[in-house]
C-alpha atoms as a PDB file:
ATOM      1  CA  MET A   1     -23.829  63.753 -36.845  1.00  0.00           C
ATOM      2  CA  ALA A   2     -21.873  60.096 -36.237  1.00  0.00           C
ATOM      3  CA  PRO A   3     -23.942  57.377 -35.047  1.00  0.00           C
ATOM      4  CA  PRO A   4     -23.355  56.208 -31.427  1.00  0.00           C
ATOM      5  CA  ASP A   5     -20.893  53.332 -30.650  1.00  0.00           C
ATOM      6  CA  LEU A   6     -22.195  49.739 -30.672  1.00  0.00           C
ATOM      7  CA  GLN A   7     -22.538  48.646 -27.544  1.00  0.00           C
ATOM      8  CA  PRO A   8     -23.764  45.236 -25.980  1.00  0.00           C
ATOM      9  CA  VAL A   9     -27.527  45.326 -25.561  1.00  0.00           C
ATOM     10  CA  THR A  10     -30.724  43.042 -25.070  1.00  0.00           C
ATOM     11  CA  LEU A  11     -33.183  43.176 -27.651  1.00  0.00           C
ATOM     12  CA  SER A  12     -36.512  41.813 -26.729  1.00  0.00           C
ATOM     13  CA  GLY A  13     -39.524  40.379 -28.716  1.00  0.00           C
ATOM     14  CA  ASP A  14     -42.461  38.195 -28.349  1.00  0.00           C
ATOM     15  CA  ILE A  15     -41.001  35.093 -29.762  1.00  0.00           C
ATOM     16  CA  VAL A  16     -37.464  35.590 -28.973  1.00  0.00           C
ATOM     17  CA  ARG A  17     -35.033  37.550 -27.221  1.00  0.00           C
ATOM     18  CA  LEU A  18     -31.198  38.526 -28.289  1.00  0.00           C
ATOM     19  CA  GLU A  19     -28.805  38.550 -25.630  1.00  0.00           C
ATOM     20  CA  PRO A  20     -25.143  39.814 -25.908  1.00  0.00           C
ATOM     21  CA  MET A  21     -22.926  36.615 -26.393  1.00  0.00           C
ATOM     22  CA  ALA A  22     -20.800  35.476 -23.497  1.00  0.00           C
ATOM     23  CA  ALA A  23     -17.759  32.782 -23.274  1.00  0.00           C
ATOM     24  CA  ALA A  24     -20.281  31.103 -20.940  1.00  0.00           C
ATOM     25  CA  HIS A  25     -22.710  30.412 -23.575  1.00  0.00           C
ATOM     26  CA  ALA A  26     -20.136  28.125 -25.858  1.00  0.00           C
ATOM     27  CA  GLU A  27     -21.669  24.804 -23.974  1.00  0.00           C
ATOM     28  CA  GLU A  28     -25.284  25.568 -24.534  1.00  0.00           C
ATOM     29  CA  LEU A  29     -24.580  26.291 -28.071  1.00  0.00           C
ATOM     30  CA  ALA A  30     -22.517  23.313 -28.362  1.00  0.00           C
ATOM     31  CA  ARG A  31     -25.355  21.428 -26.887  1.00  0.00           C
ATOM     32  CA  ILE A  32     -27.834  22.614 -29.629  1.00  0.00           C
ATOM     33  CA  GLY A  33     -25.905  23.812 -32.679  1.00  0.00           C
ATOM     34  CA  LEU A  34     -23.923  20.671 -33.679  1.00  0.00           C
ATOM     35  CA  HIS A  35     -25.906  19.810 -36.456  1.00  0.00           C
ATOM     36  CA  PRO A  36     -23.833  19.273 -39.749  1.00  0.00           C
ATOM     37  CA  GLU A  37     -26.529  20.858 -41.908  1.00  0.00           C
ATOM     38  CA  LEU A  38     -26.034  24.148 -40.149  1.00  0.00           C
ATOM     39  CA  TRP A  39     -22.410  24.392 -41.210  1.00  0.00           C
ATOM     40  CA  ARG A  40     -22.363  22.846 -44.650  1.00  0.00           C
ATOM     41  CA  LEU A  41     -22.107  26.204 -46.219  1.00  0.00           C
ATOM     42  CA  GLN A  42     -20.190  27.958 -43.892  1.00  0.00           C
ATOM     43  CA  PRO A  43     -16.616  29.096 -44.303  1.00  0.00           C
ATOM     44  CA  GLU A  44     -15.704  26.607 -41.518  1.00  0.00           C
ATOM     45  CA  PRO A  45     -17.373  23.395 -39.715  1.00  0.00           C
ATOM     46  CA  VAL A  46     -18.396  23.592 -36.158  1.00  0.00           C
ATOM     47  CA  ALA A  47     -18.424  19.855 -35.543  1.00  0.00           C
ATOM     48  CA  THR A  48     -17.299  19.590 -31.581  1.00  0.00           C
ATOM     49  CA  PRO A  49     -17.671  21.330 -28.242  1.00  0.00           C
ATOM     50  CA  ASP A  50     -14.229  22.636 -28.884  1.00  0.00           C
ATOM     51  CA  ASP A  51     -15.074  23.943 -32.441  1.00  0.00           C
ATOM     52  CA  MET A  52     -18.166  25.833 -30.732  1.00  0.00           C
ATOM     53  CA  ARG A  53     -15.675  27.202 -27.848  1.00  0.00           C
ATOM     54  CA  ARG A  54     -13.525  28.442 -30.416  1.00  0.00           C
ATOM     55  CA  TYR A  55     -16.319  30.052 -32.455  1.00  0.00           C
ATOM     56  CA  VAL A  56     -17.547  31.920 -29.480  1.00  0.00           C
ATOM     57  CA  GLU A  57     -14.070  32.985 -28.519  1.00  0.00           C
ATOM     58  CA  ARG A  58     -13.497  34.272 -32.194  1.00  0.00           C
ATOM     59  CA  ALA A  59     -16.558  36.103 -32.105  1.00  0.00           C
ATOM     60  CA  LEU A  60     -15.954  37.747 -28.658  1.00  0.00           C
ATOM     61  CA  ALA A  61     -12.705  38.602 -29.883  1.00  0.00           C
ATOM     62  CA  GLY A  62     -14.215  40.422 -33.080  1.00  0.00           C
ATOM     63  CA  GLN A  63     -16.307  42.420 -30.496  1.00  0.00           C
ATOM     64  CA  ARG A  64     -13.515  43.575 -28.493  1.00  0.00           C
ATOM     65  CA  ALA A  65     -11.961  44.784 -31.930  1.00  0.00           C
ATOM     66  CA  GLY A  66     -15.249  46.674 -32.770  1.00  0.00           C
ATOM     67  CA  ALA A  67     -15.562  44.290 -35.902  1.00  0.00           C
ATOM     68  CA  CYS A  68     -18.786  42.711 -34.598  1.00  0.00           C
ATOM     69  CA  LEU A  69     -21.363  42.563 -31.981  1.00  0.00           C
ATOM     70  CA  PRO A  70     -22.309  38.725 -31.447  1.00  0.00           C
ATOM     71  CA  PHE A  71     -25.727  37.794 -29.868  1.00  0.00           C
ATOM     72  CA  VAL A  72     -27.328  34.381 -28.694  1.00  0.00           C
ATOM     73  CA  ILE A  73     -31.027  33.795 -29.772  1.00  0.00           C
ATOM     74  CA  VAL A  74     -32.923  32.635 -26.660  1.00  0.00           C
ATOM     75  CA  GLN A  75     -36.755  31.831 -26.881  1.00  0.00           C
ATOM     76  CA  GLN A  76     -38.834  33.710 -24.502  1.00  0.00           C
ATOM     77  CA  GLY A  77     -41.133  31.145 -23.503  1.00  0.00           C
ATOM     78  CA  THR A  78     -38.664  28.696 -22.219  1.00  0.00           C
ATOM     79  CA  GLY A  79     -35.587  31.007 -21.906  1.00  0.00           C
ATOM     80  CA  ARG A  80     -33.378  28.372 -23.858  1.00  0.00           C
ATOM     81  CA  ILE A  81     -30.908  29.425 -26.490  1.00  0.00           C
ATOM     82  CA  ILE A  82     -31.883  28.503 -29.840  1.00  0.00           C
ATOM     83  CA  GLY A  83     -29.107  30.001 -31.757  1.00  0.00           C
ATOM     84  CA  ALA A  84     -27.008  32.869 -32.444  1.00  0.00           C
ATOM     85  CA  THR A  85     -26.539  36.106 -34.647  1.00  0.00           C
ATOM     86  CA  ARG A  86     -24.497  39.093 -34.972  1.00  0.00           C
ATOM     87  CA  TYR A  87     -23.740  42.719 -36.352  1.00  0.00           C
ATOM     88  CA  MET A  88     -20.609  42.128 -38.290  1.00  0.00           C
ATOM     89  CA  ASP A  89     -18.499  44.232 -41.261  1.00  0.00           C
ATOM     90  CA  ILE A  90     -19.503  47.354 -39.088  1.00  0.00           C
ATOM     91  CA  ALA A  91     -18.216  50.802 -40.383  1.00  0.00           C
ATOM     92  CA  LEU A  92     -19.831  53.172 -38.294  1.00  0.00           C
ATOM     93  CA  ALA A  93     -18.415  56.002 -40.177  1.00  0.00           C
ATOM     94  CA  HIS A  94     -20.191  55.227 -43.235  1.00  0.00           C
ATOM     95  CA  LYS A  95     -23.515  54.526 -41.186  1.00  0.00           C
ATOM     96  CA  ARG A  96     -23.199  50.774 -42.333  1.00  0.00           C
ATOM     97  CA  LEU A  97     -23.261  47.012 -40.877  1.00  0.00           C
ATOM     98  CA  GLU A  98     -24.065  43.583 -41.893  1.00  0.00           C
ATOM     99  CA  ILE A  99     -26.083  41.410 -40.209  1.00  0.00           C
ATOM    100  CA  GLY A 100     -24.837  37.878 -40.466  1.00  0.00           C
ATOM    101  CA  GLY A 101     -23.633  34.381 -38.591  1.00  0.00           C
ATOM    102  CA  THR A 102     -27.434  33.646 -38.140  1.00  0.00           C
ATOM    103  CA  TRP A 103     -28.106  29.959 -37.408  1.00  0.00           C
ATOM    104  CA  LEU A 104     -31.013  28.443 -35.337  1.00  0.00           C
ATOM    105  CA  THR A 105     -31.342  24.907 -34.258  1.00  0.00           C
ATOM    106  CA  PRO A 106     -33.807  22.978 -36.761  1.00  0.00           C
ATOM    107  CA  ALA A 107     -36.140  22.649 -34.034  1.00  0.00           C
ATOM    108  CA  SER A 108     -36.608  26.579 -34.395  1.00  0.00           C
ATOM    109  CA  GLN A 109     -36.418  27.131 -37.629  1.00  0.00           C
ATOM    110  CA  ARG A 110     -39.746  28.193 -39.643  1.00  0.00           C
ATOM    111  CA  SER A 111     -41.306  28.877 -36.043  1.00  0.00           C
ATOM    112  CA  GLY A 112     -41.068  32.786 -36.687  1.00  0.00           C
ATOM    113  CA  ALA A 113     -37.721  33.074 -34.409  1.00  0.00           C
ATOM    114  CA  ASN A 114     -35.542  34.180 -37.313  1.00  0.00           C
ATOM    115  CA  THR A 115     -38.100  36.803 -38.763  1.00  0.00           C
ATOM    116  CA  GLU A 116     -38.534  38.337 -35.229  1.00  0.00           C
ATOM    117  CA  ALA A 117     -34.577  38.087 -34.740  1.00  0.00           C
ATOM    118  CA  LYS A 118     -34.027  39.895 -37.841  1.00  0.00           C
ATOM    119  CA  PHE A 119     -36.669  42.436 -37.231  1.00  0.00           C
ATOM    120  CA  LEU A 120     -35.124  43.379 -33.655  1.00  0.00           C
ATOM    121  CA  LEU A 121     -31.684  43.600 -35.046  1.00  0.00           C
ATOM    122  CA  LEU A 122     -32.978  45.926 -38.077  1.00  0.00           C
ATOM    123  CA  GLN A 123     -34.760  48.154 -35.808  1.00  0.00           C
ATOM    124  CA  HIS A 124     -32.217  48.890 -33.617  1.00  0.00           C
ATOM    125  CA  ALA A 125     -29.750  49.282 -36.405  1.00  0.00           C
ATOM    126  CA  PHE A 126     -32.201  51.853 -38.148  1.00  0.00           C
ATOM    127  CA  GLU A 127     -33.959  53.574 -35.325  1.00  0.00           C
ATOM    128  CA  THR A 128     -31.322  53.596 -32.477  1.00  0.00           C
ATOM    129  CA  ILE A 129     -27.666  53.429 -33.971  1.00  0.00           C
ATOM    130  CA  GLY A 130     -28.789  55.609 -36.861  1.00  0.00           C
ATOM    131  CA  ILE A 131     -27.480  53.101 -39.659  1.00  0.00           C
ATOM    132  CA  MET A 132     -28.114  53.980 -43.259  1.00  0.00           C
ATOM    133  CA  ARG A 133     -27.216  50.546 -45.054  1.00  0.00           C
ATOM    134  CA  VAL A 134     -27.608  46.933 -43.583  1.00  0.00           C
ATOM    135  CA  VAL A 135     -26.131  44.148 -45.652  1.00  0.00           C
ATOM    136  CA  PHE A 136     -26.860  40.751 -46.061  1.00  0.00           C
ATOM    137  CA  LYS A 137     -24.807  37.983 -48.069  1.00  0.00           C
ATOM    138  CA  THR A 138     -25.112  34.355 -48.572  1.00  0.00           C
ATOM    139  CA  GLU A 139     -23.481  31.869 -50.768  1.00  0.00           C
ATOM    140  CA  LEU A 140     -24.935  31.544 -54.321  1.00  0.00           C
ATOM    141  CA  SER A 141     -25.891  28.054 -53.909  1.00  0.00           C
ATOM    142  CA  ASN A 142     -27.601  28.662 -50.402  1.00  0.00           C
ATOM    143  CA  THR A 143     -31.087  29.178 -52.008  1.00  0.00           C
ATOM    144  CA  GLN A 144     -32.909  28.884 -48.528  1.00  0.00           C
ATOM    145  CA  SER A 145     -31.029  31.701 -46.830  1.00  0.00           C
ATOM    146  CA  ARG A 146     -31.386  33.574 -50.109  1.00  0.00           C
ATOM    147  CA  GLN A 147     -35.175  33.346 -50.133  1.00  0.00           C
ATOM    148  CA  ALA A 148     -35.149  34.242 -46.675  1.00  0.00           C
ATOM    149  CA  ILE A 149     -33.328  37.482 -47.464  1.00  0.00           C
ATOM    150  CA  LEU A 150     -35.974  38.334 -49.976  1.00  0.00           C
ATOM    151  CA  ARG A 151     -39.002  37.355 -47.914  1.00  0.00           C
ATOM    152  CA  ILE A 152     -37.527  40.226 -45.031  1.00  0.00           C
ATOM    153  CA  GLY A 153     -37.182  42.715 -47.789  1.00  0.00           C
ATOM    154  CA  GLY A 154     -33.512  42.385 -48.712  1.00  0.00           C
ATOM    155  CA  VAL A 155     -33.077  43.951 -52.279  1.00  0.00           C
ATOM    156  CA  GLU A 156     -30.540  41.735 -53.918  1.00  0.00           C
ATOM    157  CA  GLU A 157     -27.178  43.791 -55.149  1.00  0.00           C
ATOM    158  CA  GLY A 158     -25.344  41.290 -57.038  1.00  0.00           C
ATOM    159  CA  VAL A 159     -23.109  38.308 -57.225  1.00  0.00           C
ATOM    160  CA  PHE A 160     -19.344  38.654 -56.070  1.00  0.00           C
ATOM    161  CA  ARG A 161     -17.914  35.702 -57.779  1.00  0.00           C
ATOM    162  CA  LYS A 162     -14.993  33.644 -55.694  1.00  0.00           C
ATOM    163  CA  HIS A 163     -15.424  36.456 -53.307  1.00  0.00           C
ATOM    164  CA  LEU A 164     -14.467  34.208 -50.285  1.00  0.00           C
ATOM    165  CA  ILE A 165     -12.262  30.871 -49.579  1.00  0.00           C
ATOM    166  CA  ALA A 166     -13.847  28.432 -46.990  1.00  0.00           C
ATOM    167  CA  GLN A 167     -11.682  26.510 -44.602  1.00  0.00           C
ATOM    168  CA  SER A 168     -11.650  23.580 -46.847  1.00  0.00           C
ATOM    169  CA  GLY A 169     -10.010  25.726 -49.850  1.00  0.00           C
ATOM    170  CA  ARG A 170     -13.495  25.706 -51.530  1.00  0.00           C
ATOM    171  CA  ALA A 171     -14.248  29.401 -53.557  1.00  0.00           C
ATOM    172  CA  ARG A 172     -17.480  30.803 -52.278  1.00  0.00           C
ATOM    173  CA  ASP A 173     -19.505  33.062 -54.985  1.00  0.00           C
ATOM    174  CA  MET A 174     -21.639  35.246 -52.590  1.00  0.00           C
ATOM    175  CA  VAL A 175     -24.641  37.123 -53.159  1.00  0.00           C
ATOM    176  CA  TYR A 176     -25.176  40.542 -51.811  1.00  0.00           C
ATOM    177  CA  PHE A 177     -28.198  42.276 -50.380  1.00  0.00           C
ATOM    178  CA  ALA A 178     -29.188  45.195 -48.481  1.00  0.00           C
ATOM    179  CA  ILE A 179     -31.762  47.218 -47.012  1.00  0.00           C
ATOM    180  CA  LEU A 180     -31.368  51.024 -46.631  1.00  0.00           C
ATOM    181  CA  ASP A 181     -33.198  53.580 -44.314  1.00  0.00           C
ATOM    182  CA  GLU A 182     -35.323  54.927 -46.973  1.00  0.00           C
ATOM    183  CA  ASP A 183     -36.576  51.365 -47.343  1.00  0.00           C
ATOM    184  CA  TRP A 184     -37.022  50.400 -43.696  1.00  0.00           C
ATOM    185  CA  PRO A 185     -40.601  51.693 -43.185  1.00  0.00           C
ATOM    186  CA  SER A 186     -41.935  49.203 -45.767  1.00  0.00           C
ATOM    187  CA  VAL A 187     -39.687  46.508 -44.627  1.00  0.00           C
ATOM    188  CA  LYS A 188     -40.529  47.148 -41.049  1.00  0.00           C
ATOM    189  CA  ALA A 189     -44.155  46.848 -42.089  1.00  0.00           C
ATOM    190  CA  ARG A 190     -43.893  43.746 -43.904  1.00  0.00           C
ATOM    191  CA  LEU A 191     -42.487  42.027 -41.321  1.00  0.00           C
ATOM    192  CA  LEU A 192     -44.378  43.429 -38.725  1.00  0.00           C
ATOM    193  CA  ALA A 193     -47.527  41.718 -40.855  1.00  0.00           C
ATOM    194  CA  ARG A 194     -45.600  38.372 -41.189  1.00  0.00           C
ATOM    195  CA  LEU A 195     -45.054  38.513 -37.610  1.00  0.00           C
ATOM    196  CA  ARG A 196     -49.104  38.943 -36.987  1.00  0.00           C
ATOM    197  CA  HIS A 197     -49.930  36.482 -39.343  1.00  0.00           C
ATOM    198  CA  PRO A 198     -47.055  33.509 -39.641  1.00  0.00           C
ATOM    199  CA  ARG A 199     -47.430  31.210 -42.429  1.00  0.00           C
END
């Protein structure tokens, strides 16, 4: 049976709420998201409010094309936007998608926000959409991101050398990870334990 189409949806947890990204979010995302360290290893820098507006516009164009489903990450206690994430490289015919494009303002890192955002996205993918394979990829040199993916239960599958080209022309070696549907029960238990007892 084919999985249902991906539709914009709000996913709520105790720490964060993921809301469908909209053009109106560009100003707030620029206010909290122009830290150079967030974009150092990304394919193109987001350094100005205009860059962020274009970033949001491209995400929404990808959504209209069926290629991605972008979210803003909202802090539950304050209602403030603290970052963004998305489903991307969506291949519903193969029951596969990627979780990526995730960033959090520095003040919200190591707060449990990223762990819960990933939990909400994984739970929706496996339990509602019927996805069989969720992919994560990050640059080989991004040690922090690689460790974060391993901590949530991603299985490293290999390095794709010179797989992507950054806007600067720099070749990017990418590490691929995945979580499969049969992995999800143990990954879910691990994530719930981490959220109950944050370290």
